Amino acid sequence: MSARCRGTSSNVSQTTTRVMSCPPERVLEALADGWTYATWVVGASRIRSVDEHWPAHGARIHHSVGVWPLLVDDATSVAEREPGHSITLQVRAWPTGEARVRLEVRSHPDGCEVRMSEQVVAGPARFLPDPLERGLLQWRNVETLRRLAFLAERSGAHLTN
């Protein structure tokens, strides 16, 4: 499916899109389960806790980033949410920085299309040269959507067998 993933970028944000072979509801279910966050987000190592009201506005996932033993504890919060359509996350991964990530899910003839837009909003990562920042975000977000597809496309597979 990697051939079905594409990316574009601008000075403001990096956008990556992937068509997934599942209904939009499966992707939305994966996003609504905060405990799966480290499964699909590149860089997240473990989940320490998830607010009970996740994915409501303001709810947080308390996660760690990095590779053991060099782990940093931080959190991601819901900045905006349109149930059944999109979620915008305020992602913290200090000392690297902070980003705003929007995931939009819509129907597609082959299942659904997931559009992920990321903008670095704070921290040292803001000072990377634009081509380097775009390249790193594109590489990471293609893999993030690949992992999300693995999770969403396989969830509920037992129901069709």
N, C-alpha and C. Protein backbone atom coordinates (compact mmCIF):
# COMPACT_ATOMS: atom_id res chain seq x y z
N MET A 1 0.80 -1.20 0.00
CA MET A 1 0.00 0.00 0.00
C MET A 1 0.85 1.26 0.00
N SER A 2 2.17 1.17 0.16
CA SER A 2 2.98 2.37 0.21
C SER A 2 2.87 3.18 -1.07
N ALA A 3 2.57 2.55 -2.20
CA ALA A 3 2.41 3.27 -3.45
C ALA A 3 1.14 4.13 -3.42
N ARG A 4 0.26 3.87 -2.48
CA ARG A 4 -0.99 4.60 -2.39
C ARG A 4 -0.90 5.72 -1.36
N CYS A 5 0.28 6.06 -0.93
CA CYS A 5 0.48 7.11 0.06
C CYS A 5 1.21 8.25 -0.63
N ARG A 6 0.73 9.47 -0.47
CA ARG A 6 1.40 10.59 -1.11
C ARG A 6 1.52 11.73 -0.12
N GLY A 7 2.45 12.63 -0.40
CA GLY A 7 2.63 13.76 0.51
C GLY A 7 2.84 15.05 -0.25
N THR A 8 2.46 16.14 0.38
CA THR A 8 2.72 17.47 -0.13
C THR A 8 3.16 18.31 1.04
N SER A 9 3.80 19.42 0.76
CA SER A 9 4.23 20.27 1.86
C SER A 9 4.20 21.73 1.45
N SER A 10 4.26 22.59 2.44
CA SER A 10 4.35 24.02 2.24
C SER A 10 5.13 24.58 3.41
N ASN A 11 5.32 25.88 3.45
CA ASN A 11 6.02 26.49 4.57
C ASN A 11 5.25 26.35 5.87
N VAL A 12 3.95 26.13 5.78
CA VAL A 12 3.11 26.09 6.97
C VAL A 12 3.02 24.69 7.56
N SER A 13 2.77 23.68 6.73
CA SER A 13 2.58 22.34 7.27
C SER A 13 2.94 21.28 6.24
N GLN A 14 3.05 20.06 6.73
CA GLN A 14 3.32 18.89 5.89
C GLN A 14 2.06 18.05 5.88
N THR A 15 1.59 17.67 4.69
CA THR A 15 0.38 16.86 4.59
C THR A 15 0.70 15.55 3.88
N THR A 16 0.22 14.46 4.47
CA THR A 16 0.41 13.12 3.91
C THR A 16 -0.97 12.47 3.85
N THR A 17 -1.24 11.79 2.74
CA THR A 17 -2.54 11.14 2.54
C THR A 17 -2.34 9.68 2.23
N ARG A 18 -3.23 8.84 2.75
CA ARG A 18 -3.17 7.41 2.47
C ARG A 18 -4.58 6.86 2.32
N VAL A 19 -4.76 6.02 1.32
CA VAL A 19 -6.01 5.29 1.14
C VAL A 19 -5.87 3.98 1.90
N MET A 20 -6.87 3.68 2.74
CA MET A 20 -6.85 2.46 3.55
C MET A 20 -8.01 1.56 3.14
N SER A 21 -7.77 0.26 3.18
CA SER A 21 -8.76 -0.74 2.77
C SER A 21 -9.67 -1.12 3.92
N CYS A 22 -10.36 -0.14 4.45
CA CYS A 22 -11.31 -0.37 5.54
C CYS A 22 -12.28 0.79 5.57
N PRO A 23 -13.43 0.60 6.21
CA PRO A 23 -14.36 1.73 6.32
C PRO A 23 -13.80 2.81 7.25
N PRO A 24 -14.23 4.05 7.08
CA PRO A 24 -13.74 5.13 7.94
C PRO A 24 -13.91 4.84 9.43
N GLU A 25 -14.97 4.13 9.79
CA GLU A 25 -15.24 3.83 11.20
C GLU A 25 -14.09 3.08 11.86
N ARG A 26 -13.41 2.23 11.13
CA ARG A 26 -12.30 1.46 11.72
C ARG A 26 -11.14 2.38 12.09
N VAL A 27 -10.86 3.35 11.23
CA VAL A 27 -9.79 4.31 11.53
C VAL A 27 -10.19 5.15 12.73
N LEU A 28 -11.41 5.62 12.73
CA LEU A 28 -11.90 6.44 13.84
C LEU A 28 -11.89 5.67 15.16
N GLU A 29 -12.19 4.37 15.11
CA GLU A 29 -12.11 3.53 16.32
C GLU A 29 -10.67 3.43 16.83
N ALA A 30 -9.72 3.28 15.91
CA ALA A 30 -8.31 3.21 16.31
C ALA A 30 -7.87 4.53 16.95
N LEU A 31 -8.28 5.65 16.36
CA LEU A 31 -7.93 6.95 16.91
C LEU A 31 -8.58 7.19 18.26
N ALA A 32 -9.77 6.61 18.47
CA ALA A 32 -10.50 6.80 19.72
C ALA A 32 -9.95 5.96 20.86
N ASP A 33 -9.07 5.01 20.56
CA ASP A 33 -8.46 4.17 21.59
C ASP A 33 -7.06 4.72 21.89
N GLY A 34 -6.98 5.57 22.88
CA GLY A 34 -5.71 6.21 23.23
C GLY A 34 -4.59 5.23 23.57
N TRP A 35 -4.95 4.04 24.01
CA TRP A 35 -3.94 3.04 24.37
C TRP A 35 -3.20 2.51 23.15
N THR A 36 -3.73 2.71 21.94
CA THR A 36 -3.03 2.25 20.72
C THR A 36 -2.08 3.31 20.15
N TYR A 37 -2.06 4.50 20.73
CA TYR A 37 -1.27 5.63 20.21
C TYR A 37 0.19 5.23 19.91
N ALA A 38 0.85 4.56 20.83
CA ALA A 38 2.26 4.19 20.60
C ALA A 38 2.40 3.11 19.54
N THR A 39 1.32 2.45 19.18
CA THR A 39 1.36 1.44 18.13
C THR A 39 1.51 2.08 16.76
N TRP A 40 0.87 3.22 16.55
CA TRP A 40 0.87 3.82 15.22
C TRP A 40 1.65 5.11 15.10
N VAL A 41 1.98 5.79 16.19
CA VAL A 41 2.72 7.06 16.11
C VAL A 41 4.22 6.79 16.19
N VAL A 42 4.92 7.15 15.12
CA VAL A 42 6.38 6.98 15.09
C VAL A 42 7.00 7.90 16.15
N GLY A 43 7.84 7.34 17.00
CA GLY A 43 8.51 8.09 18.04
C GLY A 43 7.92 7.86 19.43
N ALA A 44 6.64 7.54 19.50
CA ALA A 44 6.02 7.26 20.79
C ALA A 44 6.43 5.84 21.21
N SER A 45 6.95 5.72 22.41
CA SER A 45 7.47 4.43 22.87
C SER A 45 6.50 3.66 23.74
N ARG A 46 5.77 4.38 24.58
CA ARG A 46 4.84 3.70 25.50
C ARG A 46 3.79 4.70 25.95
N ILE A 47 2.67 4.15 26.40
CA ILE A 47 1.59 4.95 26.95
C ILE A 47 1.58 4.73 28.45
N ARG A 48 1.62 5.83 29.20
CA ARG A 48 1.60 5.74 30.66
C ARG A 48 0.18 5.82 31.21
N SER A 49 -0.64 6.64 30.58
CA SER A 49 -2.06 6.72 30.96
C SER A 49 -2.83 7.47 29.88
N VAL A 50 -4.14 7.27 29.89
CA VAL A 50 -5.03 7.94 28.94
C VAL A 50 -6.19 8.51 29.75
N ASP A 51 -6.47 9.78 29.56
CA ASP A 51 -7.61 10.39 30.26
C ASP A 51 -8.87 9.62 29.94
N GLU A 52 -9.73 9.47 30.93
CA GLU A 52 -10.96 8.70 30.80
C GLU A 52 -11.85 9.20 29.67
N HIS A 53 -11.85 10.49 29.44
CA HIS A 53 -12.75 11.06 28.43
C HIS A 53 -12.10 11.19 27.04
N TRP A 54 -10.96 10.52 26.81
CA TRP A 54 -10.34 10.50 25.48
C TRP A 54 -11.33 9.93 24.48
N PRO A 55 -11.53 10.49 23.31
CA PRO A 55 -10.85 11.60 22.65
C PRO A 55 -11.63 12.92 22.69
N ALA A 56 -12.27 13.24 23.80
CA ALA A 56 -12.99 14.51 23.92
C ALA A 56 -12.01 15.68 23.94
N HIS A 57 -12.50 16.86 23.60
CA HIS A 57 -11.67 18.06 23.60
C HIS A 57 -10.97 18.22 24.95
N GLY A 58 -9.66 18.47 24.91
CA GLY A 58 -8.87 18.67 26.12
C GLY A 58 -8.31 17.40 26.75
N ALA A 59 -8.81 16.24 26.36
CA ALA A 59 -8.31 14.97 26.93
C ALA A 59 -6.86 14.75 26.52
N ARG A 60 -6.12 14.03 27.37
CA ARG A 60 -4.70 13.81 27.11
C ARG A 60 -4.30 12.34 27.16
N ILE A 61 -3.31 12.05 26.33
CA ILE A 61 -2.59 10.77 26.40
C ILE A 61 -1.23 11.11 26.98
N HIS A 62 -0.86 10.43 28.04
CA HIS A 62 0.44 10.64 28.68
C HIS A 62 1.36 9.55 28.13
N HIS A 63 2.33 9.95 27.36
CA HIS A 63 3.19 9.00 26.66
C HIS A 63 4.66 9.31 26.91
N SER A 64 5.49 8.40 26.46
CA SER A 64 6.93 8.61 26.48
C SER A 64 7.43 8.54 25.04
N VAL A 65 8.45 9.32 24.74
CA VAL A 65 9.06 9.30 23.42
C VAL A 65 10.53 8.95 23.57
N GLY A 66 11.08 8.37 22.52
CA GLY A 66 12.49 8.00 22.54
C GLY A 66 12.67 6.50 22.63
N VAL A 67 13.91 6.12 22.89
CA VAL A 67 14.28 4.71 22.99
C VAL A 67 14.87 4.49 24.37
N TRP A 68 14.41 3.43 25.03
CA TRP A 68 14.90 3.13 26.36
C TRP A 68 16.41 2.95 26.32
N PRO A 69 17.17 3.50 27.23
CA PRO A 69 16.77 4.17 28.46
C PRO A 69 16.63 5.69 28.32
N LEU A 70 16.69 6.20 27.10
CA LEU A 70 16.61 7.64 26.87
C LEU A 70 15.17 8.05 26.53
N LEU A 71 14.29 7.89 27.49
CA LEU A 71 12.88 8.21 27.31
C LEU A 71 12.54 9.55 27.95
N VAL A 72 11.66 10.28 27.30
CA VAL A 72 11.16 11.54 27.84
C VAL A 72 9.65 11.42 27.96
N ASP A 73 9.13 11.74 29.14
CA ASP A 73 7.68 11.69 29.37
C ASP A 73 7.05 12.99 28.93
N ASP A 74 5.96 12.89 28.19
CA ASP A 74 5.24 14.06 27.73
C ASP A 74 3.78 13.69 27.50
N ALA A 75 3.04 14.53 26.79
CA ALA A 75 1.61 14.28 26.60
C ALA A 75 1.14 14.84 25.27
N THR A 76 0.05 14.27 24.78
CA THR A 76 -0.64 14.75 23.59
C THR A 76 -2.07 15.03 24.01
N SER A 77 -2.62 16.16 23.55
CA SER A 77 -4.00 16.51 23.93
C SER A 77 -4.84 16.76 22.69
N VAL A 78 -6.14 16.62 22.86
CA VAL A 78 -7.10 16.88 21.78
C VAL A 78 -7.37 18.37 21.74
N ALA A 79 -7.00 19.01 20.63
CA ALA A 79 -7.23 20.44 20.45
C ALA A 79 -8.60 20.70 19.83
N GLU A 80 -9.00 19.84 18.90
CA GLU A 80 -10.30 19.95 18.23
C GLU A 80 -10.75 18.57 17.83
N ARG A 81 -12.06 18.40 17.69
CA ARG A 81 -12.57 17.11 17.23
C ARG A 81 -13.90 17.30 16.55
N GLU A 82 -14.04 16.70 15.39
CA GLU A 82 -15.31 16.61 14.69
C GLU A 82 -15.65 15.13 14.65
N PRO A 83 -16.50 14.65 15.57
CA PRO A 83 -16.80 13.21 15.61
C PRO A 83 -17.23 12.69 14.23
N GLY A 84 -16.67 11.55 13.87
CA GLY A 84 -16.98 10.93 12.59
C GLY A 84 -16.20 11.48 11.42
N HIS A 85 -15.33 12.47 11.69
CA HIS A 85 -14.61 13.09 10.57
C HIS A 85 -13.14 13.39 10.86
N SER A 86 -12.84 14.08 11.96
CA SER A 86 -11.45 14.50 12.17
C SER A 86 -11.13 14.71 13.64
N ILE A 87 -9.82 14.75 13.90
CA ILE A 87 -9.30 15.07 15.23
C ILE A 87 -8.02 15.87 15.03
N THR A 88 -7.84 16.89 15.85
CA THR A 88 -6.62 17.69 15.82
C THR A 88 -5.95 17.53 17.18
N LEU A 89 -4.69 17.14 17.13
CA LEU A 89 -3.93 16.86 18.35
C LEU A 89 -2.82 17.89 18.55
N GLN A 90 -2.61 18.27 19.78
CA GLN A 90 -1.45 19.08 20.16
C GLN A 90 -0.44 18.08 20.71
N VAL A 91 0.60 17.81 19.95
CA VAL A 91 1.57 16.76 20.26
C VAL A 91 2.81 17.40 20.88
N ARG A 92 3.15 16.95 22.06
CA ARG A 92 4.35 17.44 22.74
C ARG A 92 5.39 16.33 22.77
N ALA A 93 6.60 16.69 22.39
CA ALA A 93 7.71 15.74 22.44
C ALA A 93 8.98 16.51 22.77
N TRP A 94 8.95 17.15 23.91
CA TRP A 94 10.10 17.95 24.33
C TRP A 94 11.25 17.03 24.75
N PRO A 95 12.48 17.37 24.46
CA PRO A 95 13.00 18.68 24.11
C PRO A 95 12.95 19.01 22.61
N THR A 96 12.44 18.12 21.78
CA THR A 96 12.38 18.38 20.35
C THR A 96 11.43 19.51 20.03
N GLY A 97 10.25 19.48 20.64
CA GLY A 97 9.29 20.55 20.39
C GLY A 97 7.86 20.11 20.47
N GLU A 98 7.02 20.85 19.76
CA GLU A 98 5.58 20.64 19.82
C GLU A 98 5.00 20.83 18.41
N ALA A 99 3.99 20.04 18.09
CA ALA A 99 3.37 20.13 16.77
C ALA A 99 1.86 20.04 16.89
N ARG A 100 1.20 20.51 15.88
CA ARG A 100 -0.26 20.39 15.76
C ARG A 100 -0.50 19.43 14.61
N VAL A 101 -1.21 18.34 14.89
CA VAL A 101 -1.46 17.29 13.91
C VAL A 101 -2.97 17.12 13.73
N ARG A 102 -3.40 17.20 12.48
CA ARG A 102 -4.82 17.00 12.16
C ARG A 102 -4.96 15.75 11.32
N LEU A 103 -5.86 14.87 11.73
CA LEU A 103 -6.17 13.66 10.98
C LEU A 103 -7.62 13.75 10.52
N GLU A 104 -7.81 13.68 9.22
CA GLU A 104 -9.16 13.72 8.63
C GLU A 104 -9.42 12.39 7.94
N VAL A 105 -10.60 11.85 8.13
CA VAL A 105 -10.97 10.56 7.56
C VAL A 105 -12.23 10.76 6.73
N ARG A 106 -12.20 10.25 5.48
CA ARG A 106 -13.39 10.34 4.63
C ARG A 106 -13.52 9.09 3.78
N SER A 107 -14.72 8.82 3.36
CA SER A 107 -14.99 7.65 2.52
C SER A 107 -14.24 7.77 1.20
N HIS A 108 -13.88 6.61 0.66
CA HIS A 108 -13.17 6.51 -0.61
C HIS A 108 -13.68 5.23 -1.27
N PRO A 109 -13.72 5.16 -2.61
CA PRO A 109 -14.19 3.94 -3.26
C PRO A 109 -13.46 2.66 -2.82
N ASP A 110 -12.21 2.78 -2.39
CA ASP A 110 -11.44 1.61 -1.94
C ASP A 110 -11.48 1.42 -0.43
N GLY A 111 -12.26 2.21 0.29
CA GLY A 111 -12.35 2.11 1.75
C GLY A 111 -12.47 3.48 2.36
N CYS A 112 -11.31 4.07 2.70
CA CYS A 112 -11.32 5.44 3.22
C CYS A 112 -9.99 6.10 2.91
N GLU A 113 -10.01 7.42 2.96
CA GLU A 113 -8.79 8.21 2.77
C GLU A 113 -8.51 8.93 4.07
N VAL A 114 -7.26 8.84 4.52
CA VAL A 114 -6.84 9.52 5.75
C VAL A 114 -5.82 10.58 5.35
N ARG A 115 -6.10 11.79 5.77
CA ARG A 115 -5.22 12.92 5.48
C ARG A 115 -4.64 13.41 6.80
N MET A 116 -3.32 13.42 6.87
CA MET A 116 -2.62 13.83 8.09
C MET A 116 -1.81 15.08 7.79
N SER A 117 -2.12 16.17 8.51
CA SER A 117 -1.39 17.43 8.35
C SER A 117 -0.66 17.72 9.64
N GLU A 118 0.60 18.08 9.53
CA GLU A 118 1.39 18.37 10.73
C GLU A 118 2.12 19.69 10.55
N GLN A 119 2.08 20.48 11.62
CA GLN A 119 2.80 21.76 11.64
C GLN A 119 3.56 21.85 12.94
N VAL A 120 4.87 22.06 12.87
CA VAL A 120 5.68 22.27 14.06
C VAL A 120 5.35 23.67 14.57
N VAL A 121 5.00 23.77 15.86
CA VAL A 121 4.55 25.06 16.41
C VAL A 121 5.45 25.61 17.51
N ALA A 122 6.33 24.79 18.07
CA ALA A 122 7.19 25.28 19.15
C ALA A 122 8.43 24.39 19.27
N GLY A 123 9.48 24.99 19.81
CA GLY A 123 10.68 24.22 20.11
C GLY A 123 11.74 24.30 19.03
N PRO A 124 12.86 23.65 19.28
CA PRO A 124 14.01 23.69 18.37
C PRO A 124 13.71 23.18 16.96
N ALA A 125 12.76 22.26 16.81
CA ALA A 125 12.45 21.71 15.48
C ALA A 125 11.97 22.81 14.53
N ARG A 126 11.44 23.91 15.06
CA ARG A 126 11.00 25.03 14.22
C ARG A 126 12.15 25.66 13.44
N PHE A 127 13.36 25.46 13.91
CA PHE A 127 14.50 26.14 13.30
C PHE A 127 15.24 25.28 12.28
N LEU A 128 14.72 24.09 12.01
CA LEU A 128 15.31 23.26 10.96
C LEU A 128 15.09 23.93 9.61
N PRO A 129 16.03 23.80 8.68
CA PRO A 129 15.79 24.33 7.34
C PRO A 129 14.53 23.67 6.75
N ASP A 130 13.71 24.46 6.05
CA ASP A 130 12.43 23.95 5.53
C ASP A 130 12.54 22.63 4.78
N PRO A 131 13.49 22.48 3.84
CA PRO A 131 13.55 21.20 3.12
C PRO A 131 13.84 20.01 4.05
N LEU A 132 14.68 20.21 5.05
CA LEU A 132 14.99 19.13 5.99
C LEU A 132 13.77 18.81 6.84
N GLU A 133 13.09 19.84 7.35
CA GLU A 133 11.90 19.62 8.16
C GLU A 133 10.83 18.90 7.36
N ARG A 134 10.57 19.36 6.13
CA ARG A 134 9.55 18.71 5.29
C ARG A 134 9.91 17.26 5.02
N GLY A 135 11.18 17.00 4.72
CA GLY A 135 11.62 15.63 4.43
C GLY A 135 11.45 14.71 5.63
N LEU A 136 11.83 15.18 6.80
CA LEU A 136 11.71 14.36 8.02
C LEU A 136 10.25 14.11 8.36
N LEU A 137 9.42 15.15 8.27
CA LEU A 137 8.00 14.97 8.57
C LEU A 137 7.35 14.04 7.56
N GLN A 138 7.69 14.20 6.28
CA GLN A 138 7.10 13.33 5.25
C GLN A 138 7.46 11.87 5.52
N TRP A 139 8.73 11.61 5.78
CA TRP A 139 9.20 10.25 6.04
C TRP A 139 8.48 9.65 7.25
N ARG A 140 8.41 10.43 8.33
CA ARG A 140 7.78 9.95 9.56
C ARG A 140 6.27 9.75 9.38
N ASN A 141 5.62 10.66 8.70
CA ASN A 141 4.16 10.58 8.58
C ASN A 141 3.71 9.51 7.60
N VAL A 142 4.50 9.21 6.58
CA VAL A 142 4.19 8.06 5.72
C VAL A 142 4.20 6.79 6.56
N GLU A 143 5.20 6.63 7.41
CA GLU A 143 5.27 5.45 8.27
C GLU A 143 4.17 5.44 9.31
N THR A 144 3.84 6.61 9.87
CA THR A 144 2.75 6.69 10.85
C THR A 144 1.44 6.23 10.23
N LEU A 145 1.13 6.70 9.02
CA LEU A 145 -0.12 6.28 8.37
C LEU A 145 -0.07 4.82 7.96
N ARG A 146 1.10 4.31 7.64
CA ARG A 146 1.23 2.88 7.32
C ARG A 146 0.87 2.05 8.55
N ARG A 147 1.38 2.46 9.72
CA ARG A 147 1.09 1.75 10.96
C ARG A 147 -0.39 1.87 11.33
N LEU A 148 -0.97 3.05 11.14
CA LEU A 148 -2.39 3.24 11.42
C LEU A 148 -3.22 2.34 10.50
N ALA A 149 -2.80 2.21 9.23
CA ALA A 149 -3.50 1.33 8.29
C ALA A 149 -3.42 -0.12 8.77
N PHE A 150 -2.25 -0.58 9.21
CA PHE A 150 -2.13 -1.94 9.74
C PHE A 150 -3.14 -2.17 10.85
N LEU A 151 -3.25 -1.21 11.74
CA LEU A 151 -4.15 -1.33 12.88
C LEU A 151 -5.62 -1.31 12.44
N ALA A 152 -5.99 -0.32 11.64
CA ALA A 152 -7.40 -0.16 11.24
C ALA A 152 -7.86 -1.26 10.28
N GLU A 153 -7.02 -1.63 9.34
CA GLU A 153 -7.42 -2.64 8.35
C GLU A 153 -7.56 -4.02 8.98
N ARG A 154 -6.84 -4.28 10.06
CA ARG A 154 -6.91 -5.58 10.69
C ARG A 154 -7.92 -5.63 11.82
N SER A 155 -8.29 -4.47 12.36
CA SER A 155 -9.31 -4.49 13.43
C SER A 155 -10.63 -4.90 12.82
N GLY A 156 -11.32 -5.76 13.48
CA GLY A 156 -12.59 -6.24 12.96
C GLY A 156 -12.46 -7.30 11.87
N ALA A 157 -11.23 -7.66 11.49
CA ALA A 157 -11.03 -8.67 10.45
C ALA A 157 -11.69 -9.98 10.85
N HIS A 158 -11.71 -10.28 12.15
CA HIS A 158 -12.35 -11.51 12.63
C HIS A 158 -13.86 -11.52 12.35
N LEU A 159 -14.43 -10.33 12.16
CA LEU A 159 -15.86 -10.25 11.91
C LEU A 159 -16.23 -10.67 10.49
N THR A 160 -15.25 -10.60 9.56
CA THR A 160 -15.54 -10.93 8.16
C THR A 160 -15.08 -12.34 7.82
N ASN A 161 -14.38 -13.00 8.71
CA ASN A 161 -13.89 -14.36 8.42
C ASN A 161 -14.85 -15.40 8.94
